[in-house]
Protein backbone atom coordinates (compact mmCIF):
# COMPACT_ATOMS: atom_id res chain seq x y z
CA MET A 1 -6.29 16.70 24.93
CA ARG A 2 -2.52 17.09 25.27
CA LEU A 3 -0.04 14.30 24.64
CA PHE A 4 3.06 16.14 25.82
CA GLU A 5 2.67 18.21 28.98
CA ASN A 6 5.61 20.56 29.57
CA ALA A 7 7.57 19.00 26.70
CA ASN A 8 11.15 20.19 26.40
CA PHE A 9 12.68 18.19 23.58
CA GLN A 10 15.82 19.78 22.14
CA PHE A 11 14.70 20.04 18.50
CA VAL A 12 16.95 23.00 17.81
CA LYS A 13 20.02 21.61 19.57
CA TYR A 14 19.94 18.33 17.66
CA ARG A 15 18.74 19.74 14.35
CA TYR A 16 21.86 18.64 12.49
CA TYR A 17 20.94 14.99 13.00
CA ALA A 18 17.62 15.75 11.31
CA TYR A 19 19.46 17.54 8.49
CA ALA A 20 21.63 14.44 7.99
CA LEU A 21 18.54 12.23 7.71
CA SER A 22 16.96 14.64 5.23
CA ILE A 23 20.13 14.75 3.13
CA LEU A 24 20.22 10.93 3.10
CA PHE A 25 16.67 10.73 1.70
CA ILE A 26 17.34 13.55 -0.77
CA LEU A 27 20.47 11.81 -2.10
CA ALA A 28 18.50 8.57 -2.44
CA GLY A 29 15.90 10.50 -4.44
CA VAL A 30 18.58 12.06 -6.65
CA PHE A 31 20.02 8.59 -7.29
CA GLY A 32 16.58 7.28 -8.25
CA LEU A 33 15.86 10.19 -10.59
CA ILE A 34 19.27 9.86 -12.29
CA THR A 35 19.21 6.08 -12.70
CA LYS A 36 15.50 5.43 -13.25
CA GLY A 37 13.84 8.77 -13.95
CA LEU A 38 10.13 9.32 -13.40
CA ASN A 39 7.65 6.66 -14.42
CA TRP A 40 4.95 8.95 -15.81
CA SER A 41 1.57 7.28 -16.20
CA ILE A 42 -0.28 7.15 -19.50
CA GLU A 43 -2.11 10.38 -18.64
CA PHE A 44 1.24 12.20 -18.75
CA SER A 45 2.96 10.28 -21.54
CA SER A 46 1.23 8.45 -24.38
CA GLY A 47 -0.74 5.27 -24.70
CA VAL A 48 -4.03 3.46 -24.19
CA SER A 49 -5.99 2.63 -21.07
CA ALA A 50 -8.85 0.18 -21.54
CA ARG A 51 -11.34 -1.49 -19.25
CA VAL A 52 -12.02 -4.87 -20.82
CA ASN A 53 -14.58 -7.51 -19.84
CA LEU A 54 -13.81 -11.04 -21.01
CA GLN A 55 -16.71 -12.91 -19.45
CA SER A 56 -18.13 -15.36 -21.98
CA LEU A 57 -21.85 -15.73 -22.58
CA ASP A 58 -21.24 -19.48 -22.57
CA LYS A 59 -21.12 -20.51 -18.91
CA GLN A 60 -19.08 -23.60 -19.87
CA VAL A 61 -16.13 -21.44 -20.92
CA PRO A 62 -13.79 -20.92 -17.93
CA PRO A 63 -12.90 -17.33 -16.88
CA VAL A 64 -9.81 -15.79 -18.41
CA GLU A 65 -6.79 -15.91 -16.13
CA ILE A 66 -4.78 -12.71 -15.80
CA ASP A 67 -1.51 -14.54 -16.54
CA LYS A 68 -2.94 -15.84 -19.80
CA LEU A 69 -4.03 -12.34 -20.84
CA ARG A 70 -0.61 -10.97 -19.90
CA GLY A 71 1.10 -13.71 -21.91
CA VAL A 72 -1.06 -13.06 -24.97
CA LEU A 73 -0.29 -9.34 -24.93
CA ALA A 74 3.43 -10.03 -24.44
CA LYS A 75 3.42 -12.46 -27.38
CA ASN A 76 1.91 -9.75 -29.55
CA GLY A 77 4.52 -7.14 -28.69
CA PHE A 78 3.13 -5.55 -25.51
CA LYS A 79 5.49 -6.98 -22.88
CA GLU A 80 5.26 -3.85 -20.74
CA ALA A 81 1.45 -3.84 -20.58
CA GLU A 82 0.06 -3.31 -17.07
CA ILE A 83 -2.95 -5.46 -16.22
CA GLN A 84 -5.03 -5.66 -13.07
CA PHE A 85 -8.42 -6.97 -12.06
CA VAL A 86 -11.31 -4.57 -11.63
CA GLY A 87 -13.90 -5.87 -9.18
CA LYS A 88 -14.27 -9.57 -8.47
CA GLN A 89 -11.95 -12.01 -10.23
CA GLU A 90 -14.80 -14.17 -11.53
CA GLU A 91 -16.25 -11.16 -13.37
CA ALA A 92 -13.17 -11.21 -15.64
CA THR A 93 -12.93 -7.43 -15.94
CA PHE A 94 -9.43 -6.09 -16.49
CA LEU A 95 -7.82 -2.68 -16.59
CA ILE A 96 -5.18 -2.75 -19.32
CA LYS A 97 -2.64 0.06 -19.68
CA ILE A 98 -0.28 0.07 -22.64
CA ARG A 99 2.27 2.87 -22.80
CA SER A 100 3.40 3.98 -26.24
CA LEU A 101 7.03 5.10 -26.51
CA ASP A 102 6.61 6.23 -30.10
CA LYS A 103 6.38 10.01 -30.49
CA ASN A 104 4.24 9.63 -33.59
CA PRO A 105 0.86 11.35 -32.97
CA ASP A 106 -0.92 8.27 -34.37
CA SER A 107 0.93 5.79 -32.14
CA ALA A 108 -1.78 5.68 -29.46
CA ASN A 109 -4.51 5.06 -32.06
CA ASN A 110 -2.38 2.28 -33.59
CA THR A 111 -2.02 0.73 -30.14
CA LYS A 112 -5.79 0.82 -29.68
CA ASP A 113 -6.36 -0.89 -33.04
CA SER A 114 -3.76 -3.54 -32.19
CA LEU A 115 -5.42 -4.24 -28.83
CA ILE A 116 -8.83 -4.70 -30.44
CA LYS A 117 -7.36 -7.06 -33.05
CA ILE A 118 -5.60 -9.11 -30.37
CA LEU A 119 -8.80 -9.51 -28.35
CA GLN A 120 -10.76 -10.55 -31.45
CA THR A 121 -8.10 -13.04 -32.55
CA GLU A 122 -7.01 -14.56 -29.25
CA PHE A 123 -10.29 -14.59 -27.30
CA PRO A 124 -13.08 -15.35 -29.81
CA ASP A 125 -15.01 -17.52 -27.34
CA TYR A 126 -15.26 -14.63 -24.90
CA ILE A 127 -16.32 -12.06 -27.49
CA LYS A 128 -18.81 -14.15 -29.43
CA GLY A 129 -22.33 -12.66 -29.29
CA ARG A 130 -21.16 -9.49 -27.51
CA ASP A 131 -20.72 -5.93 -28.74
CA MET A 132 -17.00 -5.18 -28.98
CA ASN A 133 -17.28 -1.44 -28.33
CA THR A 134 -19.67 -1.48 -25.37
CA GLU A 135 -19.75 -4.91 -23.71
CA VAL A 136 -16.17 -6.08 -24.21
CA ILE A 137 -14.30 -2.77 -24.18
CA GLN A 138 -16.31 -0.93 -21.54
CA GLU A 139 -14.03 2.12 -21.29
CA LEU A 140 -11.24 3.33 -23.53
CA SER A 141 -8.90 6.30 -23.08
CA ILE A 142 -6.33 7.37 -25.64
CA VAL A 143 -3.61 9.90 -24.83
CA GLY A 144 -1.29 11.19 -27.53
CA PRO A 145 2.28 12.37 -26.83
CA LYS A 146 1.38 16.05 -27.28
CA VAL A 147 -1.53 15.92 -24.83
CA GLY A 148 0.53 13.88 -22.35
CA GLY A 149 3.35 16.42 -22.47
CA GLU A 150 0.93 19.30 -21.92
CA LEU A 151 -0.66 17.58 -18.92
CA ARG A 152 2.79 16.91 -17.46
CA THR A 153 3.72 20.59 -17.82
CA GLN A 154 0.43 21.71 -16.28
CA ALA A 155 0.87 19.35 -13.33
CA LEU A 156 4.33 20.72 -12.55
CA LEU A 157 3.06 24.26 -13.02
CA ALA A 158 0.24 23.63 -10.54
CA CYS A 159 2.75 22.61 -7.86
CA LEU A 160 4.98 25.62 -8.55
CA ILE A 161 2.05 28.09 -8.48
CA ALA A 162 0.86 26.62 -5.17
CA MET A 163 4.30 27.14 -3.65
CA LEU A 164 4.60 30.67 -5.06
CA LEU A 165 1.27 31.69 -3.54
CA ILE A 166 2.30 30.17 -0.22
CA ILE A 167 5.58 32.10 -0.08
CA ILE A 168 3.69 35.36 -0.84
CA TYR A 169 1.16 34.60 1.93
CA VAL A 170 3.83 33.75 4.52
CA TRP A 171 5.91 36.77 3.46
CA PHE A 172 3.06 39.20 4.18
CA ARG A 173 1.88 37.44 7.33
CA TYR A 174 5.33 36.92 8.85
CA GLU A 175 8.69 37.74 7.28
CA LEU A 176 10.22 36.92 3.91
CA VAL A 177 12.81 34.61 5.43
CA PHE A 178 10.02 32.60 7.09
CA GLY A 179 8.24 32.27 3.73
CA VAL A 180 11.39 31.19 1.91
CA MET A 181 12.28 28.56 4.50
CA ALA A 182 8.70 27.27 4.55
CA ILE A 183 8.94 26.72 0.79
CA VAL A 184 12.34 25.02 1.18
CA ALA A 185 10.69 22.64 3.67
CA LEU A 186 7.84 21.99 1.21
CA LEU A 187 10.30 21.31 -1.62
CA HIS A 188 12.07 18.94 0.77
CA ASP A 189 8.81 16.98 1.26
CA VAL A 190 7.83 16.92 -2.42
CA PHE A 191 11.30 15.95 -3.64
CA ILE A 192 11.63 13.07 -1.19
CA ILE A 193 8.20 11.66 -2.11
CA VAL A 194 8.95 11.91 -5.84
CA GLY A 195 12.39 10.40 -5.25
CA ILE A 196 10.97 7.41 -3.39
CA PHE A 197 8.40 6.84 -6.15
CA SER A 198 11.25 6.99 -8.68
CA LEU A 199 13.36 4.48 -6.73
CA MET A 200 10.42 2.07 -6.45
CA GLY A 201 9.42 2.50 -10.08
CA LYS A 202 5.91 3.61 -9.13
CA GLU A 203 3.84 5.61 -11.58
CA ILE A 204 3.35 9.35 -11.28
CA THR A 205 -0.37 9.58 -11.95
CA VAL A 206 -2.98 12.34 -11.63
CA GLN A 207 -3.73 10.94 -8.17
CA ILE A 208 -0.09 11.33 -7.13
CA ILE A 209 -0.10 14.96 -8.27
CA ALA A 210 -3.16 15.38 -6.04
CA VAL A 211 -1.16 13.80 -3.21
CA LEU A 212 1.67 16.32 -3.68
CA LEU A 213 -0.72 19.28 -3.66
CA THR A 214 -2.49 17.88 -0.58
CA ILE A 215 0.79 17.42 1.27
CA ILE A 216 1.86 20.96 0.38
CA GLY A 217 -1.30 22.22 2.08
CA TYR A 218 -0.98 19.85 5.04
CA SER A 219 2.67 20.66 5.69
CA ILE A 220 2.34 24.45 5.38
CA ASN A 221 -0.64 24.40 7.75
CA ASP A 222 1.44 22.69 10.44
CA THR A 223 4.34 25.06 9.80
CA ILE A 224 2.09 28.13 10.10
CA VAL A 225 0.93 26.94 13.53
CA ILE A 226 4.54 26.86 14.74
CA PHE A 227 5.31 30.24 13.15
CA ASP A 228 2.32 31.74 14.97
CA ARG A 229 3.53 30.36 18.28
CA ILE A 230 7.06 31.67 17.61
CA ARG A 231 5.65 35.15 17.03
CA GLU A 232 3.54 35.06 20.20
CA ASP A 233 6.45 33.80 22.31
CA LEU A 234 8.75 36.47 20.88
CA LYS A 235 6.27 39.15 21.97
CA LYS A 236 6.33 37.75 25.50
CA SER A 237 10.08 37.15 25.79
CA ARG A 238 11.97 39.47 23.47
CA THR A 239 15.09 39.46 25.65
CA ASN A 240 15.49 35.70 25.58
CA ASP A 241 17.73 33.82 23.19
CA TYR A 242 15.67 33.40 20.01
CA THR A 243 16.86 29.78 19.56
CA GLU A 244 15.29 28.93 22.92
CA ILE A 245 12.07 30.65 21.87
CA PHE A 246 11.98 28.71 18.60
CA ASN A 247 12.54 25.43 20.45
CA ARG A 248 9.87 26.30 23.03
CA ALA A 249 7.35 27.10 20.28
CA ILE A 250 7.94 23.74 18.59
CA ASN A 251 7.45 21.96 21.93
CA GLU A 252 4.31 23.94 22.77
CA THR A 253 2.69 22.94 19.47
CA LEU A 254 4.05 19.38 19.51
CA SER A 255 0.86 17.86 20.94
CA ARG A 256 -1.27 19.46 18.22
CA THR A 257 1.20 18.40 15.53
CA VAL A 258 1.31 14.76 16.66
CA ILE A 259 -2.47 14.46 17.14
CA THR A 260 -3.06 15.87 13.65
CA PHE A 261 -0.51 13.41 12.26
CA LEU A 262 -1.97 10.37 14.04
CA THR A 263 -5.61 11.03 13.14
CA THR A 264 -4.71 11.52 9.49
CA PHE A 265 -2.29 8.59 9.57
CA PHE A 266 -4.91 6.12 10.84
CA THR A 267 -7.39 7.17 8.15
CA THR A 268 -4.82 7.00 5.37
CA GLY A 269 -3.47 3.73 6.76
CA ALA A 270 -6.94 2.20 6.47
CA LEU A 271 -7.02 3.21 2.79
CA PHE A 272 -3.54 1.76 2.28
CA PHE A 273 -4.27 -1.65 3.82
CA PHE A 274 -7.95 -2.09 2.94
CA GLY A 275 -8.59 0.24 -0.02
CA GLY A 276 -7.50 -2.20 -2.73
CA PRO A 277 -4.87 -1.92 -5.49
CA VAL A 278 -6.54 0.99 -7.31
CA ILE A 279 -6.02 3.39 -4.40
CA HIS A 280 -2.84 1.77 -3.02
CA ASP A 281 -0.29 4.17 -4.54
CA PHE A 282 -2.39 7.20 -3.58
CA ALA A 283 -2.53 6.06 0.04
CA PHE A 284 1.18 5.18 0.01
CA GLY A 285 2.06 8.66 -1.24
CA MET A 286 -0.15 10.21 1.44
CA LEU A 287 1.55 8.17 4.17
CA LEU A 288 4.96 9.30 2.94
CA GLY A 289 3.72 12.88 2.78
CA LEU A 290 2.31 12.76 6.31
CA PHE A 291 5.57 11.45 7.72
CA PHE A 292 7.93 13.81 5.90
CA GLY A 293 5.53 16.75 6.16
CA THR A 294 5.41 16.37 9.94
CA PHE A 295 9.17 15.80 10.05
CA SER A 296 9.92 18.98 8.09
CA THR A 297 7.44 20.97 10.20
CA ILE A 298 9.27 20.04 13.41
CA PHE A 299 12.87 19.75 12.29
CA VAL A 300 13.34 21.72 9.06
CA ALA A 301 11.25 24.87 8.51
CA SER A 302 11.87 26.75 11.77
CA ASN A 303 15.44 25.50 12.13
CA LEU A 304 16.32 26.78 8.66
CA VAL A 305 15.20 30.24 9.79
CA ILE A 306 17.69 29.91 12.64
CA GLU A 307 20.43 28.90 10.18
CA PHE A 308 19.71 32.01 8.12
CA PHE A 309 19.94 34.23 11.21
CA LEU A 310 23.23 32.63 12.24
CA VAL A 311 24.73 33.28 8.82
CA SER A 312 23.24 36.71 8.05
CA HIS A 313 23.20 38.20 11.59
CA LYS A 314 19.94 39.96 10.69
CA GLU A 315 17.82 38.31 13.36
CA LYS A 316 17.18 41.53 15.29
CA ASP A 317 15.64 43.37 12.34
CA SER A 318 13.61 40.37 11.17
CA LEU A 319 12.27 39.50 14.62
CA LYS A 320 11.44 43.13 15.33
CA LYS A 321 9.38 43.34 12.12
CA LEU A 322 7.78 39.98 12.87
CA THR A 323 6.50 41.00 16.29
CA LYS A 324 5.13 44.28 14.96
CA LYS A 325 2.99 42.59 12.28
CA LYS A 326 -0.62 41.78 13.10
């Protein structure tokens, strides 16, 4: 199946318009990071995450409303607590996340003790006759500032190691300049996604780190397909202008790129619209990654190689080495 027969879009000729769009999103991300910073989730900072069931044994007692629970926590000093339903509303099961800004190692434990005391004091009718540690508080996670900081460092390190291994792979398979520009395109994708999350105040969770690593793999796979086609076309037409060959390679792989994007987009879109609030941010990050990953594959990675050749005037040596490699 081919969507674009004999496509001849001028991706190289109009690359500067794409650069302008990229710079616009990058500047927006920089603004978000400077003004708002990153909203690290509890896993990467410090605090308490608890799954709490407030369904009374007495059927005459009405279910707890989420606004009432939010108001009670705010009244007791937890105005920034994040609360959401888990499952059906009538089951009165809530996921409560309370971030601790105190760097004291015992701050998270103090938050846990405060939460238990609040539930016992403010909701006695819902706790009566039930075990506090198993039936009311069904799950409880405590993250101290030291552990949160270590997880944050490891998450960033995972992304950097992935990119380093990719540049080594592309360097040996193609040319160093191709590997460097592929990584620049990946950094472009990751930075824009993180910047948009910063602007919107969305949490950077473990799931979002998984999104970034997934998009790194998705984007580099698409880029490698174009690099392969560039190498094959260079072997066939070495005397032609290399900018024309680059543009032809992008057009020849355009159908594959778009089909891959659409099939993944529809699946991820279904998760975004029908997957519920728990998976919403994950799906949103994936949608952003699919869009910008495909954009950078078509408009950024290969075109940056051209920019390097125009500045360095080393295209003959690089392309000669590229076509000799197997």
